[in-house]
Amino acid sequence: MNQSDRSCKGCREEYKITEVQIDRMLSAPMFQGESCVPESVYQERLRMCGACPKLLGGTTCSFCGCIVRVAAKLKEKNCPFPGASRWK
């Protein structure tokens, strides 16, 4: 099974979030200001999450349930990987 094909066992198909929906969220004003990390940090966080075995469906962290593309954008968020954050 491809890592991006895995999905949350508790979620039904109608609850899956699409890339279009995530794009729409990220276009909100709160993701354009000082509360966000620089683009280089954002891309590094996404890279780390993309390599994580706990990424479900290519969008969701199975440790905390966050939408990775959303959480990775915010300065106040941290990787919840047990023992040590995967984000630098």
PDB file of N, CA and C in Angstrom:
ATOM      1  N   MET A   1       0.838  -1.184   0.000  1.00  0.00           N
ATOM      2  CA  MET A   1       0.000   0.000   0.000  1.00  0.00           C
ATOM      3  C   MET A   1       0.880   1.243   0.000  1.00  0.00           C
ATOM      4  N   ASN A   2       0.589   2.162  -0.851  1.00  0.00           N
ATOM      5  CA  ASN A   2       1.296   3.436  -0.932  1.00  0.00           C
ATOM      6  C   ASN A   2       0.968   4.265   0.301  1.00  0.00           C
ATOM      7  N   GLN A   3       1.960   4.939   0.853  1.00  0.00           N
ATOM      8  CA  GLN A   3       1.772   5.736   2.060  1.00  0.00           C
ATOM      9  C   GLN A   3       0.655   6.757   1.895  1.00  0.00           C
ATOM     10  N   SER A   4       0.550   7.389   0.737  1.00  0.00           N
ATOM     11  CA  SER A   4      -0.471   8.408   0.536  1.00  0.00           C
ATOM     12  C   SER A   4      -1.862   7.799   0.374  1.00  0.00           C
ATOM     13  N   ASP A   5      -1.959   6.468   0.182  1.00  0.00           N
ATOM     14  CA  ASP A   5      -3.253   5.813   0.056  1.00  0.00           C
ATOM     15  C   ASP A   5      -3.864   5.480   1.410  1.00  0.00           C
ATOM     16  N   ARG A   6      -3.061   5.500   2.455  1.00  0.00           N
ATOM     17  CA  ARG A   6      -3.582   5.191   3.778  1.00  0.00           C
ATOM     18  C   ARG A   6      -4.521   6.312   4.203  1.00  0.00           C
ATOM     19  N   SER A   7      -5.559   5.959   4.903  1.00  0.00           N
ATOM     20  CA  SER A   7      -6.486   6.984   5.362  1.00  0.00           C
ATOM     21  C   SER A   7      -6.876   6.708   6.801  1.00  0.00           C
ATOM     22  N   CYS A   8      -7.475   7.687   7.391  1.00  0.00           N
ATOM     23  CA  CYS A   8      -7.917   7.577   8.772  1.00  0.00           C
ATOM     24  C   CYS A   8      -9.003   6.519   8.868  1.00  0.00           C
ATOM     25  N   LYS A   9      -8.834   5.579   9.759  1.00  0.00           N
ATOM     26  CA  LYS A   9      -9.795   4.495   9.897  1.00  0.00           C
ATOM     27  C   LYS A   9     -11.135   4.984  10.422  1.00  0.00           C
ATOM     28  N   GLY A  10     -11.127   6.112  11.133  1.00  0.00           N
ATOM     29  CA  GLY A  10     -12.359   6.633  11.697  1.00  0.00           C
ATOM     30  C   GLY A  10     -13.125   7.547  10.766  1.00  0.00           C
ATOM     31  N   CYS A  11     -12.547   7.898   9.636  1.00  0.00           N
ATOM     32  CA  CYS A  11     -13.192   8.852   8.726  1.00  0.00           C
ATOM     33  C   CYS A  11     -13.832   8.143   7.549  1.00  0.00           C
ATOM     34  N   ARG A  12     -15.023   8.580   7.227  1.00  0.00           N
ATOM     35  CA  ARG A  12     -15.689   8.058   6.043  1.00  0.00           C
ATOM     36  C   ARG A  12     -15.294   8.916   4.853  1.00  0.00           C
ATOM     37  N   GLU A  13     -15.549   8.408   3.682  1.00  0.00           N
ATOM     38  CA  GLU A  13     -15.162   9.071   2.434  1.00  0.00           C
ATOM     39  C   GLU A  13     -15.663  10.513   2.368  1.00  0.00           C
ATOM     40  N   GLU A  14     -16.859  10.780   2.841  1.00  0.00           N
ATOM     41  CA  GLU A  14     -17.415  12.132   2.734  1.00  0.00           C
ATOM     42  C   GLU A  14     -16.725  13.141   3.652  1.00  0.00           C
ATOM     43  N   TYR A  15     -15.872  12.681   4.545  1.00  0.00           N
ATOM     44  CA  TYR A  15     -15.156  13.586   5.440  1.00  0.00           C
ATOM     45  C   TYR A  15     -13.733  13.882   4.985  1.00  0.00           C
ATOM     46  N   LYS A  16     -13.301  13.262   3.913  1.00  0.00           N
ATOM     47  CA  LYS A  16     -11.943  13.493   3.425  1.00  0.00           C
ATOM     48  C   LYS A  16     -11.822  14.913   2.883  1.00  0.00           C
ATOM     49  N   ILE A  17     -10.708  15.542   3.201  1.00  0.00           N
ATOM     50  CA  ILE A  17     -10.458  16.896   2.730  1.00  0.00           C
ATOM     51  C   ILE A  17      -9.699  16.840   1.411  1.00  0.00           C
ATOM     52  N   THR A  18     -10.018  17.757   0.531  1.00  0.00           N
ATOM     53  CA  THR A  18      -9.358  17.775  -0.769  1.00  0.00           C
ATOM     54  C   THR A  18      -8.248  18.830  -0.780  1.00  0.00           C
ATOM     55  N   GLU A  19      -7.366  18.720  -1.760  1.00  0.00           N
ATOM     56  CA  GLU A  19      -6.307  19.719  -1.927  1.00  0.00           C
ATOM     57  C   GLU A  19      -6.909  21.091  -2.218  1.00  0.00           C
ATOM     58  N   VAL A  20      -8.005  21.124  -2.944  1.00  0.00           N
ATOM     59  CA  VAL A  20      -8.681  22.397  -3.243  1.00  0.00           C
ATOM     60  C   VAL A  20      -9.172  23.050  -1.953  1.00  0.00           C
ATOM     61  N   GLN A  21      -9.740  22.259  -1.055  1.00  0.00           N
ATOM     62  CA  GLN A  21     -10.202  22.800   0.223  1.00  0.00           C
ATOM     63  C   GLN A  21      -9.033  23.325   1.051  1.00  0.00           C
ATOM     64  N   ILE A  22      -7.924  22.601   1.057  1.00  0.00           N
ATOM     65  CA  ILE A  22      -6.743  23.050   1.795  1.00  0.00           C
ATOM     66  C   ILE A  22      -6.206  24.337   1.179  1.00  0.00           C
ATOM     67  N   ASP A  23      -6.147  24.400  -0.143  1.00  0.00           N
ATOM     68  CA  ASP A  23      -5.710  25.630  -0.817  1.00  0.00           C
ATOM     69  C   ASP A  23      -6.586  26.808  -0.416  1.00  0.00           C
ATOM     70  N   ARG A  24      -7.881  26.589  -0.346  1.00  0.00           N
ATOM     71  CA  ARG A  24      -8.815  27.649   0.034  1.00  0.00           C
ATOM     72  C   ARG A  24      -8.547  28.110   1.472  1.00  0.00           C
ATOM     73  N   MET A  25      -8.301  27.171   2.369  1.00  0.00           N
ATOM     74  CA  MET A  25      -7.970  27.534   3.757  1.00  0.00           C
ATOM     75  C   MET A  25      -6.703  28.372   3.809  1.00  0.00           C
ATOM     76  N   LEU A  26      -5.682  27.931   3.075  1.00  0.00           N
ATOM     77  CA  LEU A  26      -4.390  28.620   3.107  1.00  0.00           C
ATOM     78  C   LEU A  26      -4.417  29.993   2.433  1.00  0.00           C
ATOM     79  N   SER A  27      -5.463  30.276   1.687  1.00  0.00           N
ATOM     80  CA  SER A  27      -5.587  31.601   1.070  1.00  0.00           C
ATOM     81  C   SER A  27      -6.238  32.613   2.016  1.00  0.00           C
ATOM     82  N   ALA A  28      -6.677  32.171   3.183  1.00  0.00           N
ATOM     83  CA  ALA A  28      -7.289  33.069   4.166  1.00  0.00           C
ATOM     84  C   ALA A  28      -6.239  34.045   4.712  1.00  0.00           C
ATOM     85  N   PRO A  29      -6.661  35.246   5.084  1.00  0.00           N
ATOM     86  CA  PRO A  29      -5.721  36.260   5.584  1.00  0.00           C
ATOM     87  C   PRO A  29      -4.828  35.795   6.739  1.00  0.00           C
ATOM     88  N   MET A  30      -5.320  34.919   7.588  1.00  0.00           N
ATOM     89  CA  MET A  30      -4.509  34.483   8.732  1.00  0.00           C
ATOM     90  C   MET A  30      -3.252  33.716   8.316  1.00  0.00           C
ATOM     91  N   PHE A  31      -3.224  33.234   7.073  1.00  0.00           N
ATOM     92  CA  PHE A  31      -2.064  32.492   6.584  1.00  0.00           C
ATOM     93  C   PHE A  31      -1.152  33.356   5.719  1.00  0.00           C
ATOM     94  N   GLN A  32      -1.331  34.657   5.776  1.00  0.00           N
ATOM     95  CA  GLN A  32      -0.524  35.567   4.973  1.00  0.00           C
ATOM     96  C   GLN A  32       0.345  36.482   5.838  1.00  0.00           C
ATOM     97  N   GLY A  33       0.220  36.390   7.144  1.00  0.00           N
ATOM     98  CA  GLY A  33       0.881  37.375   7.984  1.00  0.00           C
ATOM     99  C   GLY A  33       2.000  36.847   8.848  1.00  0.00           C
ATOM    100  N   GLU A  34       2.212  37.562   9.916  1.00  0.00           N
ATOM    101  CA  GLU A  34       3.325  37.311  10.839  1.00  0.00           C
ATOM    102  C   GLU A  34       3.189  36.015  11.627  1.00  0.00           C
ATOM    103  N   SER A  35       2.015  35.427  11.637  1.00  0.00           N
ATOM    104  CA  SER A  35       1.828  34.181  12.377  1.00  0.00           C
ATOM    105  C   SER A  35       2.357  32.971  11.610  1.00  0.00           C
ATOM    106  N   CYS A  36       2.842  33.212  10.388  1.00  0.00           N
ATOM    107  CA  CYS A  36       3.311  32.124   9.533  1.00  0.00           C
ATOM    108  C   CYS A  36       4.833  32.084   9.437  1.00  0.00           C
ATOM    109  N   VAL A  37       5.335  30.884   9.210  1.00  0.00           N
ATOM    110  CA  VAL A  37       6.769  30.699   9.009  1.00  0.00           C
ATOM    111  C   VAL A  37       7.140  31.150   7.592  1.00  0.00           C
ATOM    112  N   PRO A  38       8.416  31.459   7.350  1.00  0.00           N
ATOM    113  CA  PRO A  38       8.854  31.788   5.988  1.00  0.00           C
ATOM    114  C   PRO A  38       8.641  30.593   5.049  1.00  0.00           C
ATOM    115  N   GLU A  39       8.543  30.859   3.775  1.00  0.00           N
ATOM    116  CA  GLU A  39       8.275  29.810   2.774  1.00  0.00           C
ATOM    117  C   GLU A  39       9.316  28.684   2.829  1.00  0.00           C
ATOM    118  N   SER A  40      10.580  29.011   3.050  1.00  0.00           N
ATOM    119  CA  SER A  40      11.620  27.972   3.096  1.00  0.00           C
ATOM    120  C   SER A  40      11.397  27.019   4.277  1.00  0.00           C
ATOM    121  N   VAL A  41      10.984  27.557   5.405  1.00  0.00           N
ATOM    122  CA  VAL A  41      10.695  26.727   6.585  1.00  0.00           C
ATOM    123  C   VAL A  41       9.459  25.868   6.322  1.00  0.00           C
ATOM    124  N   TYR A  42       8.451  26.480   5.719  1.00  0.00           N
ATOM    125  CA  TYR A  42       7.220  25.762   5.375  1.00  0.00           C
ATOM    126  C   TYR A  42       7.528  24.565   4.473  1.00  0.00           C
ATOM    127  N   GLN A  43       8.323  24.788   3.443  1.00  0.00           N
ATOM    128  CA  GLN A  43       8.653  23.709   2.511  1.00  0.00           C
ATOM    129  C   GLN A  43       9.450  22.599   3.202  1.00  0.00           C
ATOM    130  N   GLU A  44      10.349  22.970   4.101  1.00  0.00           N
ATOM    131  CA  GLU A  44      11.123  21.969   4.848  1.00  0.00           C
ATOM    132  C   GLU A  44      10.209  21.153   5.760  1.00  0.00           C
ATOM    133  N   ARG A  45       9.275  21.818   6.418  1.00  0.00           N
ATOM    134  CA  ARG A  45       8.313  21.096   7.268  1.00  0.00           C
ATOM    135  C   ARG A  45       7.494  20.116   6.443  1.00  0.00           C
ATOM    136  N   LEU A  46       7.023  20.564   5.285  1.00  0.00           N
ATOM    137  CA  LEU A  46       6.241  19.677   4.420  1.00  0.00           C
ATOM    138  C   LEU A  46       7.080  18.489   3.954  1.00  0.00           C
ATOM    139  N   ARG A  47       8.330  18.734   3.662  1.00  0.00           N
ATOM    140  CA  ARG A  47       9.225  17.649   3.241  1.00  0.00           C
ATOM    141  C   ARG A  47       9.367  16.613   4.358  1.00  0.00           C
ATOM    142  N   MET A  48       9.565  17.094   5.571  1.00  0.00           N
ATOM    143  CA  MET A  48       9.704  16.191   6.719  1.00  0.00           C
ATOM    144  C   MET A  48       8.416  15.394   6.947  1.00  0.00           C
ATOM    145  N   CYS A  49       7.293  16.053   6.851  1.00  0.00           N
ATOM    146  CA  CYS A  49       6.012  15.364   7.041  1.00  0.00           C
ATOM    147  C   CYS A  49       5.762  14.357   5.922  1.00  0.00           C
ATOM    148  N   GLY A  50       6.148  14.710   4.715  1.00  0.00           N
ATOM    149  CA  GLY A  50       5.962  13.803   3.589  1.00  0.00           C
ATOM    150  C   GLY A  50       6.735  12.507   3.739  1.00  0.00           C
ATOM    151  N   ALA A  51       7.825  12.539   4.488  1.00  0.00           N
ATOM    152  CA  ALA A  51       8.639  11.352   4.716  1.00  0.00           C
ATOM    153  C   ALA A  51       8.243  10.605   5.995  1.00  0.00           C
ATOM    154  N   CYS A  52       7.299  11.132   6.728  1.00  0.00           N
ATOM    155  CA  CYS A  52       6.901  10.540   8.011  1.00  0.00           C
ATOM    156  C   CYS A  52       5.957   9.356   7.798  1.00  0.00           C
ATOM    157  N   PRO A  53       6.193   8.251   8.507  1.00  0.00           N
ATOM    158  CA  PRO A  53       5.322   7.090   8.371  1.00  0.00           C
ATOM    159  C   PRO A  53       3.930   7.311   8.962  1.00  0.00           C
ATOM    160  N   LYS A  54       3.743   8.376   9.686  1.00  0.00           N
ATOM    161  CA  LYS A  54       2.446   8.647  10.320  1.00  0.00           C
ATOM    162  C   LYS A  54       1.580   9.629   9.531  1.00  0.00           C
ATOM    163  N   LEU A  55       2.005   9.977   8.311  1.00  0.00           N
ATOM    164  CA  LEU A  55       1.192  10.823   7.446  1.00  0.00           C
ATOM    165  C   LEU A  55       0.115   9.950   6.812  1.00  0.00           C
ATOM    166  N   LEU A  56      -1.127  10.334   6.967  1.00  0.00           N
ATOM    167  CA  LEU A  56      -2.246   9.567   6.431  1.00  0.00           C
ATOM    168  C   LEU A  56      -2.882  10.300   5.256  1.00  0.00           C
ATOM    169  N   GLY A  57      -3.110   9.587   4.191  1.00  0.00           N
ATOM    170  CA  GLY A  57      -3.805  10.138   3.043  1.00  0.00           C
ATOM    171  C   GLY A  57      -3.111  11.315   2.398  1.00  0.00           C
ATOM    172  N   GLY A  58      -1.846  11.517   2.732  1.00  0.00           N
ATOM    173  CA  GLY A  58      -1.108  12.634   2.178  1.00  0.00           C
ATOM    174  C   GLY A  58      -1.473  13.985   2.765  1.00  0.00           C
ATOM    175  N   THR A  59      -2.370  14.001   3.745  1.00  0.00           N
ATOM    176  CA  THR A  59      -2.835  15.277   4.294  1.00  0.00           C
ATOM    177  C   THR A  59      -2.833  15.366   5.812  1.00  0.00           C
ATOM    178  N   THR A  60      -2.981  14.244   6.500  1.00  0.00           N
ATOM    179  CA  THR A  60      -3.286  14.261   7.928  1.00  0.00           C
ATOM    180  C   THR A  60      -2.218  13.583   8.776  1.00  0.00           C
ATOM    181  N   CYS A  61      -1.851  14.225   9.875  1.00  0.00           N
ATOM    182  CA  CYS A  61      -0.925  13.641  10.843  1.00  0.00           C
ATOM    183  C   CYS A  61      -1.709  12.704  11.754  1.00  0.00           C
ATOM    184  N   SER A  62      -1.287  11.450  11.834  1.00  0.00           N
ATOM    185  CA  SER A  62      -2.030  10.505  12.675  1.00  0.00           C
ATOM    186  C   SER A  62      -1.731  10.686  14.164  1.00  0.00           C
ATOM    187  N   PHE A  63      -0.695  11.458  14.510  1.00  0.00           N
ATOM    188  CA  PHE A  63      -0.422  11.715  15.922  1.00  0.00           C
ATOM    189  C   PHE A  63      -1.387  12.746  16.498  1.00  0.00           C
ATOM    190  N   CYS A  64      -1.609  13.831  15.766  1.00  0.00           N
ATOM    191  CA  CYS A  64      -2.437  14.913  16.328  1.00  0.00           C
ATOM    192  C   CYS A  64      -3.717  15.170  15.547  1.00  0.00           C
ATOM    193  N   GLY A  65      -3.833  14.606  14.353  1.00  0.00           N
ATOM    194  CA  GLY A  65      -5.040  14.793  13.553  1.00  0.00           C
ATOM    195  C   GLY A  65      -5.061  16.077  12.745  1.00  0.00           C
ATOM    196  N   CYS A  66      -3.958  16.824  12.749  1.00  0.00           N
ATOM    197  CA  CYS A  66      -3.932  18.096  12.016  1.00  0.00           C
ATOM    198  C   CYS A  66      -3.820  17.871  10.517  1.00  0.00           C
ATOM    199  N   ILE A  67      -4.241  18.861   9.771  1.00  0.00           N
ATOM    200  CA  ILE A  67      -4.001  18.903   8.329  1.00  0.00           C
ATOM    201  C   ILE A  67      -2.600  19.481   8.193  1.00  0.00           C
ATOM    202  N   VAL A  68      -1.682  18.673   7.732  1.00  0.00           N
ATOM    203  CA  VAL A  68      -0.259  19.011   7.747  1.00  0.00           C
ATOM    204  C   VAL A  68       0.046  20.322   7.022  1.00  0.00           C
ATOM    205  N   ARG A  69      -0.515  20.537   5.848  1.00  0.00           N
ATOM    206  CA  ARG A  69      -0.231  21.772   5.111  1.00  0.00           C
ATOM    207  C   ARG A  69      -0.666  23.008   5.883  1.00  0.00           C
ATOM    208  N   VAL A  70      -1.686  22.886   6.707  1.00  0.00           N
ATOM    209  CA  VAL A  70      -2.161  24.015   7.512  1.00  0.00           C
ATOM    210  C   VAL A  70      -1.253  24.214   8.717  1.00  0.00           C
ATOM    211  N   ALA A  71      -1.003  23.147   9.473  1.00  0.00           N
ATOM    212  CA  ALA A  71      -0.182  23.256  10.682  1.00  0.00           C
ATOM    213  C   ALA A  71       1.245  23.691  10.356  1.00  0.00           C
ATOM    214  N   ALA A  72       1.801  23.190   9.270  1.00  0.00           N
ATOM    215  CA  ALA A  72       3.186  23.507   8.904  1.00  0.00           C
ATOM    216  C   ALA A  72       3.381  24.984   8.606  1.00  0.00           C
ATOM    217  N   LYS A  73       2.336  25.681   8.279  1.00  0.00           N
ATOM    218  CA  LYS A  73       2.403  27.097   7.927  1.00  0.00           C
ATOM    219  C   LYS A  73       2.514  27.993   9.168  1.00  0.00           C
ATOM    220  N   LEU A  74       2.042  27.523  10.311  1.00  0.00           N
ATOM    221  CA  LEU A  74       1.924  28.362  11.497  1.00  0.00           C
ATOM    222  C   LEU A  74       3.131  28.261  12.425  1.00  0.00           C
ATOM    223  N   LYS A  75       3.661  29.421  12.819  1.00  0.00           N
ATOM    224  CA  LYS A  75       4.825  29.483  13.717  1.00  0.00           C
ATOM    225  C   LYS A  75       4.569  28.766  15.031  1.00  0.00           C
ATOM    226  N   GLU A  76       3.377  28.879  15.552  1.00  0.00           N
ATOM    227  CA  GLU A  76       3.070  28.342  16.876  1.00  0.00           C
ATOM    228  C   GLU A  76       2.951  26.819  16.916  1.00  0.00           C
ATOM    229  N   LYS A  77       2.900  26.179  15.768  1.00  0.00           N
ATOM    230  CA  LYS A  77       2.734  24.727  15.719  1.00  0.00           C
ATOM    231  C   LYS A  77       4.077  24.011  15.757  1.00  0.00           C
ATOM    232  N   ASN A  78       4.052  22.803  16.300  1.00  0.00           N
ATOM    233  CA  ASN A  78       5.223  21.946  16.352  1.00  0.00           C
ATOM    234  C   ASN A  78       4.846  20.547  15.888  1.00  0.00           C
ATOM    235  N   CYS A  79       5.815  19.824  15.413  1.00  0.00           N
ATOM    236  CA  CYS A  79       5.604  18.432  15.044  1.00  0.00           C
ATOM    237  C   CYS A  79       5.353  17.629  16.317  1.00  0.00           C
ATOM    238  N   PRO A  80       4.292  16.818  16.344  1.00  0.00           N
ATOM    239  CA  PRO A  80       3.976  16.047  17.543  1.00  0.00           C
ATOM    240  C   PRO A  80       4.659  14.683  17.621  1.00  0.00           C
ATOM    241  N   PHE A  81       5.652  14.433  16.767  1.00  0.00           N
ATOM    242  CA  PHE A  81       6.294  13.116  16.740  1.00  0.00           C
ATOM    243  C   PHE A  81       6.817  12.801  18.147  1.00  0.00           C
ATOM    244  N   PRO A  82       6.459  11.644  18.703  1.00  0.00           N
ATOM    245  CA  PRO A  82       6.878  11.288  20.064  1.00  0.00           C
ATOM    246  C   PRO A  82       8.402  11.280  20.218  1.00  0.00           C
ATOM    247  N   GLY A  83       8.860  11.874  21.288  1.00  0.00           N
ATOM    248  CA  GLY A  83      10.281  11.896  21.599  1.00  0.00           C
ATOM    249  C   GLY A  83      11.004  13.118  21.099  1.00  0.00           C
ATOM    250  N   ALA A  84      10.677  13.569  19.892  1.00  0.00           N
ATOM    251  CA  ALA A  84      11.342  14.747  19.334  1.00  0.00           C
ATOM    252  C   ALA A  84      10.625  15.202  18.071  1.00  0.00           C
ATOM    253  N   SER A  85      10.464  16.484  17.969  1.00  0.00           N
ATOM    254  CA  SER A  85       9.858  17.069  16.782  1.00  0.00           C
ATOM    255  C   SER A  85      10.695  16.760  15.556  1.00  0.00           C
ATOM    256  N   ARG A  86      10.066  16.444  14.436  1.00  0.00           N
ATOM    257  CA  ARG A  86      10.794  16.243  13.184  1.00  0.00           C
ATOM    258  C   ARG A  86      11.068  17.559  12.504  1.00  0.00           C
ATOM    259  N   TRP A  87      10.396  18.625  12.957  1.00  0.00           N
ATOM    260  CA  TRP A  87      10.643  19.954  12.408  1.00  0.00           C
ATOM    261  C   TRP A  87      11.797  20.576  13.148  1.00  0.00           C
ATOM    262  N   LYS A  88      12.686  21.195  12.431  1.00  0.00           N
ATOM    263  CA  LYS A  88      13.853  21.830  13.055  1.00  0.00           C
ATOM    264  C   LYS A  88      13.488  23.204  13.569  1.00  0.00           C
TER     265      LYS A  88
END
